[in-house]
Amino acid sequence: MEKGILSMSISGTALNLGTLDIGAVSSASTVATITTDSFTGYTLSIGSVSGTVLTAVSDGAVTAGSEEYGMAVSGADAAFADDRGVSAGLALASANSAVTSREATLTFKAAIEELKAKKPAKTVVAVPVAPDDAAAEIEAEVDELVCLLREKYYLGAVGAYYEYFEQTEDDEVIDILSEFNDG
């Protein structure tokens, strides 16, 4: 069995899509740089995914005015260039031979529907925890923000603040919300 060396660096530690707006697709990119001396090459893929709320793109392009998210990959070893939903096991880039400083640019995208166009009586956002800066941005856009814990040094995921944090399926959330949407 061959034993090769694989090194990878990823630019930046966080991606910020900014404030999502109906008129535009928000995006942020990071670059993965891969080097391996393995003659069989490498495969870069997503290990796990949590916390998705928007619908995964299904038609190959995240579109302004829709409510969806996705990602695209560019570079010599890109597995795809169109927008795809982010899912565990999704291959992002690969090569069948040794490579040196090969770059794959990962671009994450999101778009939302305009809630204000529907003229709600009041907009309330409720979250269990949020980074201070994100909470301030949300507060500027809504009538009320309910946030149990605002963190200066956010741990990067809501689930990190729970001892037990099971994924809730989208259909379950939609069913619960539809029960209260009769008025």
Protein backbone atom coordinates (compact mmCIF):
# COMPACT_ATOMS: atom_id res chain seq x y z
CA MET A 1 0.00 0.00 0.00
CA GLU A 2 1.34 3.40 -1.01
CA LYS A 3 1.87 6.01 1.68
CA GLY A 4 1.98 9.52 0.29
CA ILE A 5 2.06 12.94 1.86
CA LEU A 6 -0.91 15.25 1.48
CA SER A 7 -0.93 18.86 2.59
CA MET A 8 -3.75 21.33 2.25
CA SER A 9 -4.23 24.93 3.32
CA ILE A 10 -7.46 26.89 3.19
CA SER A 11 -7.43 30.68 2.96
CA GLY A 12 -9.34 32.38 5.75
CA THR A 13 -11.09 30.80 8.71
CA ALA A 14 -14.65 31.97 8.04
CA LEU A 15 -16.86 32.94 5.12
CA ASN A 16 -19.29 35.81 5.45
CA LEU A 17 -22.01 36.19 2.82
CA GLY A 18 -23.04 39.52 4.34
CA THR A 19 -26.63 40.66 4.54
CA LEU A 20 -28.71 38.65 2.09
CA ASP A 21 -30.81 40.77 -0.27
CA ILE A 22 -33.60 39.87 -2.69
CA GLY A 23 -31.96 41.84 -5.50
CA ALA A 24 -28.68 39.96 -5.54
CA VAL A 25 -26.94 36.68 -4.97
CA SER A 26 -24.48 36.96 -2.09
CA SER A 27 -21.25 35.03 -2.37
CA ALA A 28 -17.98 34.42 -0.59
CA SER A 29 -14.99 32.36 -1.67
CA THR A 30 -12.08 30.54 -0.13
CA VAL A 31 -9.13 28.86 -1.80
CA ALA A 32 -7.94 25.35 -0.94
CA THR A 33 -4.33 24.71 -1.96
CA ILE A 34 -3.41 21.03 -2.24
CA THR A 35 -0.05 19.31 -2.60
CA THR A 36 0.48 15.54 -2.63
CA ASP A 37 3.29 13.27 -3.74
CA SER A 38 0.88 10.33 -4.02
CA PHE A 39 0.88 8.90 -7.55
CA THR A 40 -2.83 8.12 -7.08
CA GLY A 41 -3.65 11.80 -6.49
CA TYR A 42 -6.29 13.19 -4.14
CA THR A 43 -10.01 13.86 -3.72
CA LEU A 44 -11.30 16.88 -1.81
CA SER A 45 -14.86 16.36 -0.56
CA ILE A 46 -17.28 17.61 2.09
CA GLY A 47 -17.26 15.51 5.26
CA SER A 48 -20.48 16.65 6.96
CA VAL A 49 -23.07 19.42 6.77
CA SER A 50 -25.28 20.93 9.44
CA GLY A 51 -27.43 23.98 9.93
CA THR A 52 -28.90 24.41 6.45
CA VAL A 53 -32.11 26.46 6.43
CA LEU A 54 -32.35 27.62 2.82
CA THR A 55 -33.30 25.24 0.02
CA ALA A 56 -30.43 23.69 -1.93
CA VAL A 57 -30.14 24.94 -5.49
CA SER A 58 -31.53 22.39 -7.94
CA ASP A 59 -31.23 23.98 -11.37
CA GLY A 60 -27.48 24.71 -11.51
CA ALA A 61 -27.63 28.42 -10.65
CA VAL A 62 -28.43 30.29 -7.43
CA THR A 63 -30.83 33.02 -8.59
CA ALA A 64 -31.62 36.44 -7.10
CA GLY A 65 -35.19 36.60 -5.78
CA SER A 66 -35.31 32.90 -5.00
CA GLU A 67 -34.57 31.38 -1.62
CA GLU A 68 -31.71 28.95 -2.13
CA TYR A 69 -28.04 28.28 -1.52
CA GLY A 70 -25.25 26.45 -3.27
CA MET A 71 -21.60 26.41 -4.13
CA ALA A 72 -19.40 26.27 -7.21
CA VAL A 73 -15.80 25.15 -7.66
CA SER A 74 -13.18 26.50 -10.04
CA GLY A 75 -9.63 25.47 -10.80
CA ALA A 76 -7.86 22.80 -12.83
CA ASP A 77 -9.14 19.96 -10.64
CA ALA A 78 -12.72 21.23 -10.08
CA ALA A 79 -15.31 18.46 -9.96
CA PHE A 80 -18.05 20.85 -11.21
CA ALA A 81 -18.47 24.52 -12.11
CA ASP A 82 -22.24 25.03 -11.82
CA ASP A 83 -23.94 25.77 -8.49
CA ARG A 84 -24.69 22.65 -6.41
CA GLY A 85 -26.33 22.07 -3.06
CA VAL A 86 -23.85 21.46 -0.25
CA SER A 87 -24.08 17.85 0.92
CA ALA A 88 -21.94 15.34 2.80
CA GLY A 89 -19.73 13.36 0.45
CA LEU A 90 -19.91 15.93 -2.38
CA ALA A 91 -16.62 15.72 -4.32
CA LEU A 92 -15.23 19.22 -4.90
CA ALA A 93 -11.92 18.59 -6.65
CA SER A 94 -9.66 15.67 -7.51
CA ALA A 95 -6.58 14.65 -9.44
CA ASN A 96 -5.34 11.22 -10.50
CA SER A 97 -1.65 12.01 -10.01
CA ALA A 98 0.74 13.87 -7.75
CA VAL A 99 0.16 17.65 -7.67
CA THR A 100 2.01 20.67 -6.30
CA SER A 101 0.22 23.76 -4.98
CA ARG A 102 -2.95 23.02 -6.94
CA GLU A 103 -5.69 25.53 -6.11
CA ALA A 104 -9.43 24.95 -5.97
CA THR A 105 -11.60 28.02 -5.34
CA LEU A 106 -14.78 27.21 -3.41
CA THR A 107 -17.51 29.84 -3.84
CA PHE A 108 -20.55 29.66 -1.56
CA LYS A 109 -23.72 31.49 -2.66
CA ALA A 110 -27.10 32.34 -1.18
CA ALA A 111 -30.23 34.25 -2.17
CA ILE A 112 -33.40 35.05 -0.26
CA GLU A 113 -36.96 36.09 -0.93
CA GLU A 114 -37.92 39.59 0.13
CA LEU A 115 -39.93 39.30 3.34
CA LYS A 116 -40.57 43.04 3.47
CA ALA A 117 -42.36 42.89 0.08
CA LYS A 118 -45.00 40.71 1.77
CA LYS A 119 -45.63 43.60 4.24
CA PRO A 120 -45.72 41.71 7.54
CA ALA A 121 -47.07 43.57 10.59
CA LYS A 122 -43.83 42.83 12.44
CA THR A 123 -40.61 40.94 11.72
CA VAL A 124 -39.11 38.95 14.57
CA VAL A 125 -35.97 36.82 14.34
CA ALA A 126 -35.40 34.32 17.16
CA VAL A 127 -32.13 32.43 17.55
CA PRO A 128 -30.57 30.63 20.49
CA VAL A 129 -27.08 32.08 19.98
CA ALA A 130 -25.32 34.41 17.55
CA PRO A 131 -22.02 36.24 17.12
CA ASP A 132 -22.23 39.86 18.32
CA ASP A 133 -21.56 41.34 14.88
CA ALA A 134 -24.16 39.17 13.13
CA ALA A 135 -26.75 39.95 15.84
CA ALA A 136 -26.15 43.68 15.31
CA GLU A 137 -26.67 43.30 11.54
CA ILE A 138 -29.90 41.36 12.08
CA GLU A 139 -31.21 43.91 14.60
CA ALA A 140 -30.79 46.67 12.02
CA GLU A 141 -33.06 44.78 9.58
CA VAL A 142 -35.92 43.55 11.80
CA ASP A 143 -38.39 44.88 14.36
CA GLU A 144 -37.21 42.53 17.09
CA LEU A 145 -34.32 40.12 17.65
CA VAL A 146 -34.70 37.47 20.34
CA CYS A 147 -31.28 35.99 21.04
CA LEU A 148 -30.61 34.02 24.22
CA LEU A 149 -26.81 34.34 24.00
CA ARG A 150 -24.71 36.86 22.06
CA GLU A 151 -21.07 35.83 21.84
CA LYS A 152 -18.03 37.96 21.13
CA TYR A 153 -16.01 34.78 20.52
CA TYR A 154 -18.58 32.66 18.68
CA LEU A 155 -17.77 28.93 18.46
CA GLY A 156 -18.74 28.74 14.77
CA ALA A 157 -21.96 26.71 14.97
CA VAL A 158 -25.15 26.75 17.02
CA GLY A 159 -24.70 23.04 17.78
CA ALA A 160 -21.43 23.79 19.60
CA TYR A 161 -23.48 25.35 22.42
CA TYR A 162 -25.58 22.25 23.07
CA GLU A 163 -24.77 18.99 24.79
CA TYR A 164 -27.26 17.25 22.47
CA PHE A 165 -28.06 18.86 19.10
CA GLU A 166 -29.97 16.65 16.69
CA GLN A 167 -30.66 17.85 13.14
CA THR A 168 -34.29 18.81 12.51
CA GLU A 169 -35.50 18.02 9.01
CA ASP A 170 -36.90 20.87 6.88
CA ASP A 171 -40.28 19.14 6.48
CA GLU A 172 -40.70 18.96 10.27
CA VAL A 173 -40.01 22.70 10.66
CA ILE A 174 -42.37 23.57 7.79
CA ASP A 175 -45.14 21.46 9.38
CA ILE A 176 -44.70 23.17 12.76
CA LEU A 177 -44.64 26.64 11.24
CA SER A 178 -47.71 25.96 9.09
CA GLU A 179 -49.69 25.12 12.27
CA PHE A 180 -49.17 28.72 13.43
CA ASN A 181 -49.63 30.39 10.04
CA ASP A 182 -53.42 30.32 9.98
CA GLY A 183 -53.88 33.91 11.16
